[in-house]
Amino acid sequence: MATESWASSDVVRRSMKGNRSRDTGPELRVRRLVHARGLRYLVDSPPEKSLRRRADLLFCGPRVAVFIDGCFWHGCPDHHTVSRTNSSFWAEKVARNRARDADTNERLASQGWTVLRFWEHEDPHAVAMVIERRVRGMES
């Protein structure tokens, strides 16, 4: 490669570019369970047009935005691993993601949204139950 890249090799680049931004396994599992509970939602949709960020599941009426965060990309305290190559790049990338997540939470909350964030490793049945209770107004 002519310029320095975030990827340590072409194989790594192809693998990372193949990661999905939507319809991940954890998202699909939660969506199926939430749908089976009779709830309907938008997928990969912006809660506010002024905010260039998209929720994984969006419930417009009750104003609930759900994000299912990947452990690597969002810095899970239990499962995040430090990259062995380009470690400073990836540490900065994850730090920016976490800062953006906090900013998203704050901005949506200030506009009347309930923001629910879950890690990809969380039990999808428990996640679906929390989502249902919030959407149906059973929890504040």
Protein backbone atom coordinates (compact mmCIF):
# COMPACT_ATOMS: atom_id res chain seq x y z
CA MET A 1 0.00 0.00 0.00
CA ALA A 2 1.21 3.46 -0.87
CA THR A 3 -0.18 5.19 2.23
CA GLU A 4 -0.38 4.03 5.80
CA SER A 5 -3.69 2.37 6.52
CA TRP A 6 -5.71 1.59 9.59
CA ALA A 7 -5.68 -2.04 8.43
CA SER A 8 -2.59 -4.08 9.14
CA SER A 9 -3.12 -6.12 5.96
CA ASP A 10 -5.43 -6.50 2.98
CA VAL A 11 -7.04 -9.50 4.69
CA VAL A 12 -7.79 -7.41 7.78
CA ARG A 13 -9.13 -4.58 5.61
CA ARG A 14 -11.52 -6.93 3.78
CA SER A 15 -12.67 -8.48 7.05
CA MET A 16 -13.33 -5.12 8.73
CA LYS A 17 -15.11 -3.71 5.67
CA GLY A 18 -17.34 -6.80 5.74
CA ASN A 19 -18.70 -5.92 9.18
CA ARG A 20 -22.34 -4.94 8.98
CA SER A 21 -23.63 -1.63 10.29
CA ARG A 22 -27.17 -3.05 10.54
CA ASP A 23 -28.89 -6.42 10.68
CA THR A 24 -26.20 -7.94 12.87
CA GLY A 25 -26.90 -11.24 14.60
CA PRO A 26 -27.57 -9.66 18.01
CA GLU A 27 -29.91 -7.07 16.42
CA LEU A 28 -31.85 -9.70 14.51
CA ARG A 29 -32.31 -11.87 17.60
CA VAL A 30 -33.67 -8.93 19.61
CA ARG A 31 -35.86 -7.71 16.74
CA ARG A 32 -37.47 -11.14 16.31
CA LEU A 33 -38.28 -11.34 20.01
CA VAL A 34 -39.61 -7.78 20.20
CA HIS A 35 -41.74 -8.36 17.09
CA ALA A 36 -43.09 -11.61 18.60
CA ARG A 37 -44.22 -9.53 21.61
CA GLY A 38 -46.43 -7.53 19.25
CA LEU A 39 -44.30 -4.41 19.04
CA ARG A 40 -43.63 -2.64 15.75
CA TYR A 41 -40.65 -0.41 15.11
CA LEU A 42 -38.46 1.22 12.52
CA VAL A 43 -35.04 -0.29 11.77
CA ASP A 44 -31.81 1.68 11.36
CA SER A 45 -33.62 4.99 11.51
CA PRO A 46 -32.70 8.47 12.78
CA PRO A 47 -34.74 9.54 15.82
CA GLU A 48 -34.25 13.20 14.92
CA LYS A 49 -33.45 14.50 11.45
CA SER A 50 -31.09 17.08 12.95
CA LEU A 51 -29.03 14.28 14.52
CA ARG A 52 -27.08 12.29 11.95
CA ARG A 53 -27.22 9.09 13.98
CA ARG A 54 -29.40 6.05 13.58
CA ALA A 55 -31.07 3.84 16.18
CA ASP A 56 -31.12 0.08 15.66
CA LEU A 57 -34.80 -0.03 16.69
CA LEU A 58 -36.95 3.06 16.87
CA PHE A 59 -40.36 3.38 18.50
CA CYS A 60 -41.66 6.78 17.39
CA GLY A 61 -44.90 7.02 19.39
CA PRO A 62 -43.41 6.35 22.82
CA ARG A 63 -40.12 7.96 21.71
CA VAL A 64 -37.82 5.06 22.55
CA ALA A 65 -34.52 4.65 20.69
CA VAL A 66 -32.70 1.33 21.06
CA PHE A 67 -29.02 0.77 20.31
CA ILE A 68 -27.34 -2.64 20.39
CA ASP A 69 -23.64 -1.93 20.64
CA GLY A 70 -20.83 -4.24 19.55
CA CYS A 71 -18.30 -5.01 22.25
CA PHE A 72 -15.25 -4.19 20.13
CA TRP A 73 -16.57 -1.08 18.40
CA HIS A 74 -18.09 0.55 21.50
CA GLY A 75 -15.57 -0.52 24.14
CA CYS A 76 -17.50 -2.99 26.28
CA PRO A 77 -15.94 -3.00 29.76
CA ASP A 78 -16.26 -6.82 29.90
CA HIS A 79 -15.34 -7.95 26.39
CA HIS A 80 -13.47 -5.21 24.54
CA THR A 81 -10.07 -6.38 23.38
CA VAL A 82 -7.17 -4.12 22.55
CA SER A 83 -5.93 -4.48 19.01
CA ARG A 84 -2.37 -5.79 18.74
CA THR A 85 -1.72 -3.86 15.53
CA ASN A 86 -2.43 -0.16 15.04
CA SER A 87 -3.43 -0.10 18.69
CA SER A 88 -3.35 3.68 19.02
CA PHE A 89 -5.62 4.10 15.97
CA TRP A 90 -8.16 1.62 17.35
CA ALA A 91 -8.01 3.04 20.89
CA GLU A 92 -8.78 6.51 19.49
CA LYS A 93 -11.53 5.09 17.25
CA VAL A 94 -13.26 3.37 20.17
CA ALA A 95 -12.86 6.49 22.34
CA ARG A 96 -14.53 8.58 19.61
CA ASN A 97 -17.34 6.01 19.34
CA ARG A 98 -17.92 6.11 23.09
CA ALA A 99 -17.93 9.91 23.10
CA ARG A 100 -20.39 9.93 20.19
CA ASP A 101 -22.61 7.41 22.05
CA ALA A 102 -22.65 9.63 25.15
CA ASP A 103 -23.41 12.68 23.03
CA THR A 104 -26.22 10.81 21.27
CA ASN A 105 -27.72 9.75 24.60
CA GLU A 106 -27.58 13.29 25.95
CA ARG A 107 -28.99 14.95 22.83
CA LEU A 108 -31.84 12.48 22.43
CA ALA A 109 -32.75 12.64 26.12
CA SER A 110 -32.87 16.44 25.91
CA GLN A 111 -35.38 16.08 23.06
CA GLY A 112 -37.65 13.77 25.05
CA TRP A 113 -36.40 10.37 23.91
CA THR A 114 -35.75 7.38 26.12
CA VAL A 115 -32.45 5.87 25.03
CA LEU A 116 -31.83 2.19 25.69
CA ARG A 117 -28.36 0.77 25.07
CA PHE A 118 -27.47 -2.89 25.25
CA TRP A 119 -24.28 -4.83 24.57
CA GLU A 120 -24.26 -7.44 21.83
CA HIS A 121 -23.54 -10.17 24.41
CA GLU A 122 -26.61 -9.48 26.55
CA ASP A 123 -29.37 -12.08 26.67
CA PRO A 124 -31.79 -11.16 23.86
CA HIS A 125 -34.80 -12.34 25.89
CA ALA A 126 -33.89 -10.02 28.77
CA VAL A 127 -33.22 -7.17 26.31
CA ALA A 128 -36.60 -7.71 24.60
CA MET A 129 -38.35 -7.67 27.98
CA VAL A 130 -36.75 -4.34 28.96
CA ILE A 131 -37.65 -2.85 25.58
CA GLU A 132 -41.25 -4.03 25.82
CA ARG A 133 -41.68 -2.64 29.34
CA ARG A 134 -40.32 0.77 28.30
CA VAL A 135 -42.30 0.96 25.07
CA ARG A 136 -45.54 -0.05 26.79
CA GLY A 137 -44.88 2.48 29.57
CA MET A 138 -44.46 -0.11 32.30
CA GLU A 139 -41.14 1.40 33.43
CA SER A 140 -39.93 4.96 33.45
